[in-house]
C-alpha atoms as a PDB file:
ATOM      1  CA  MET A   1      51.772 -88.296  10.797  1.00  0.00           C
ATOM      2  CA  ASN A   2      55.508 -88.954   9.589  1.00  0.00           C
ATOM      3  CA  PHE A   3      57.793 -87.588  12.462  1.00  0.00           C
ATOM      4  CA  GLU A   4      61.413 -88.103  12.396  1.00  0.00           C
ATOM      5  CA  VAL A   5      64.511 -87.986  14.745  1.00  0.00           C
ATOM      6  CA  GLY A   6      66.049 -84.784  15.320  1.00  0.00           C
ATOM      7  CA  GLN A   7      62.606 -82.408  13.927  1.00  0.00           C
ATOM      8  CA  ILE A   8      61.646 -79.780  15.837  1.00  0.00           C
ATOM      9  CA  ILE A   9      57.905 -79.396  16.110  1.00  0.00           C
ATOM     10  CA  LYS A  10      55.459 -76.920  17.949  1.00  0.00           C
ATOM     11  CA  MET A  11      53.013 -77.567  20.568  1.00  0.00           C
ATOM     12  CA  LYS A  12      49.558 -75.955  21.258  1.00  0.00           C
ATOM     13  CA  LYS A  13      50.528 -75.697  25.074  1.00  0.00           C
ATOM     14  CA  PRO A  14      53.985 -74.343  26.225  1.00  0.00           C
ATOM     15  CA  HIS A  15      55.913 -75.435  28.362  1.00  0.00           C
ATOM     16  CA  PRO A  16      56.275 -73.829  32.178  1.00  0.00           C
ATOM     17  CA  CYS A  17      59.493 -72.985  30.890  1.00  0.00           C
ATOM     18  CA  GLY A  18      57.712 -70.729  28.214  1.00  0.00           C
ATOM     19  CA  ASN A  19      58.829 -72.061  24.987  1.00  0.00           C
ATOM     20  CA  ASN A  20      56.261 -74.287  23.174  1.00  0.00           C
ATOM     21  CA  SER A  21      59.250 -75.864  20.631  1.00  0.00           C
ATOM     22  CA  TRP A  22      60.536 -79.403  21.042  1.00  0.00           C
ATOM     23  CA  GLU A  23      63.392 -81.484  19.389  1.00  0.00           C
ATOM     24  CA  ILE A  24      62.013 -84.689  18.611  1.00  0.00           C
ATOM     25  CA  LEU A  25      65.164 -87.741  20.178  1.00  0.00           C
ATOM     26  CA  ARG A  26      62.740 -90.863  20.045  1.00  0.00           C
ATOM     27  CA  VAL A  27      60.009 -92.099  18.205  1.00  0.00           C
ATOM     28  CA  GLY A  28      57.572 -95.218  18.693  1.00  0.00           C
ATOM     29  CA  MET A  29      54.616 -95.855  20.766  1.00  0.00           C
ATOM     30  CA  ASP A  30      55.867 -93.100  22.915  1.00  0.00           C
ATOM     31  CA  PHE A  31      57.900 -90.141  21.438  1.00  0.00           C
ATOM     32  CA  ARG A  32      60.802 -88.716  23.764  1.00  0.00           C
ATOM     33  CA  LEU A  33      61.020 -85.273  23.023  1.00  0.00           C
ATOM     34  CA  ARG A  34      63.729 -82.381  24.180  1.00  0.00           C
ATOM     35  CA  CYS A  35      62.416 -78.709  25.043  1.00  0.00           C
ATOM     36  CA  THR A  36      65.059 -76.892  23.047  1.00  0.00           C
ATOM     37  CA  TRP A  37      64.507 -73.525  25.364  1.00  0.00           C
ATOM     38  CA  CYS A  38      65.738 -75.464  28.868  1.00  0.00           C
ATOM     39  CA  ASN A  39      66.537 -79.194  27.430  1.00  0.00           C
ATOM     40  CA  HIS A  40      64.081 -80.569  29.892  1.00  0.00           C
ATOM     41  CA  GLN A  41      63.528 -84.609  28.120  1.00  0.00           C
ATOM     42  CA  VAL A  42      59.684 -85.714  28.379  1.00  0.00           C
ATOM     43  CA  MET A  43      58.376 -89.176  27.221  1.00  0.00           C
ATOM     44  CA  ILE A  44      54.769 -88.257  25.597  1.00  0.00           C
ATOM     45  CA  PRO A  45      52.344 -90.750  24.358  1.00  0.00           C
ATOM     46  CA  ARG A  46      52.059 -90.759  20.448  1.00  0.00           C
ATOM     47  CA  THR A  47      48.222 -90.117  20.624  1.00  0.00           C
ATOM     48  CA  THR A  48      48.998 -86.745  22.925  1.00  0.00           C
ATOM     49  CA  VAL A  49      51.973 -85.850  20.354  1.00  0.00           C
ATOM     50  CA  GLU A  50      49.604 -85.740  17.673  1.00  0.00           C
ATOM     51  CA  LYS A  51      46.555 -84.228  19.146  1.00  0.00           C
ATOM     52  CA  SER A  52      48.435 -81.424  20.471  1.00  0.00           C
ATOM     53  CA  PHE A  53      50.821 -81.157  17.299  1.00  0.00           C
ATOM     54  CA  LYS A  54      50.886 -77.758  16.006  1.00  0.00           C
ATOM     55  CA  GLY A  55      53.502 -77.239  13.401  1.00  0.00           C
ATOM     56  CA  PHE A  56      56.931 -78.409  12.466  1.00  0.00           C
ATOM     57  CA  VAL A  57      59.635 -75.209  12.788  1.00  0.00           C
ATOM     58  CA  GLU A  58      62.012 -74.577   9.623  1.00  0.00           C
ATOM     59  CA  LYS A  59      65.527 -74.625  10.228  1.00  0.00           C
ATOM     60  CA  ALA A  60      67.222 -71.521   9.589  1.00  0.00           C
END
Protein backbone atom coordinates (compact mmCIF):
# COMPACT_ATOMS: atom_id res chain seq x y z
CA MET A 1 0.00 0.00 0.00
CA ASN A 2 1.16 3.50 -0.80
CA PHE A 3 -0.12 5.91 1.87
CA GLU A 4 0.72 9.61 1.97
CA VAL A 5 0.25 12.34 4.56
CA GLY A 6 -2.98 14.26 3.98
CA GLN A 7 -4.94 11.38 2.44
CA ILE A 8 -8.32 10.50 3.92
CA ILE A 9 -8.98 6.78 4.33
CA LYS A 10 -11.91 4.63 5.43
CA MET A 11 -11.47 1.91 8.03
CA LYS A 12 -13.64 -1.19 8.55
CA LYS A 13 -14.54 -0.48 12.19
CA PRO A 14 -15.91 2.96 13.05
CA HIS A 15 -14.54 5.23 15.75
CA PRO A 16 -16.76 5.41 18.89
CA CYS A 17 -18.08 8.75 17.62
CA GLY A 18 -19.64 6.84 14.69
CA ASN A 19 -17.31 7.99 11.91
CA ASN A 20 -15.01 5.67 9.92
CA SER A 21 -12.98 8.18 7.87
CA TRP A 22 -9.52 9.24 9.05
CA GLU A 23 -6.91 11.72 7.85
CA ILE A 24 -3.31 10.48 7.77
CA LEU A 25 -1.00 12.80 9.73
CA ARG A 26 2.13 10.60 9.92
CA VAL A 27 3.34 7.60 7.93
CA GLY A 28 5.99 5.10 9.00
CA MET A 29 6.05 1.97 11.14
CA ASP A 30 3.20 3.63 13.05
CA PHE A 31 0.49 5.82 11.58
CA ARG A 32 -0.93 8.91 13.28
CA LEU A 33 -4.57 9.21 12.26
CA ARG A 34 -7.07 11.98 13.00
CA CYS A 35 -10.81 11.29 13.03
CA THR A 36 -12.42 13.65 10.52
CA TRP A 37 -15.53 14.03 12.70
CA CYS A 38 -14.31 14.58 16.28
CA ASN A 39 -10.60 15.40 15.58
CA HIS A 40 -9.37 12.68 18.00
CA GLN A 41 -5.83 11.52 17.13
CA VAL A 42 -4.50 7.98 17.53
CA MET A 43 -1.24 6.15 16.81
CA ILE A 44 -1.82 2.77 15.13
CA PRO A 45 0.76 0.22 13.89
CA ARG A 46 1.09 -0.05 10.10
CA THR A 47 -0.02 -3.70 10.08
CA THR A 48 -3.31 -2.80 11.82
CA VAL A 49 -4.00 0.01 9.35
CA GLU A 50 -3.28 -2.23 6.36
CA LYS A 51 -5.59 -4.98 7.70
CA SER A 52 -8.53 -2.69 8.47
CA PHE A 53 -8.12 -0.38 5.44
CA LYS A 54 -11.32 -0.21 3.38
CA GLY A 55 -10.57 2.45 0.77
CA PHE A 56 -9.71 6.05 0.01
CA VAL A 57 -12.24 8.86 0.36
CA GLU A 58 -12.47 11.15 -2.66
CA LYS A 59 -12.00 14.82 -1.84
CA ALA A 60 -14.77 16.98 -3.31
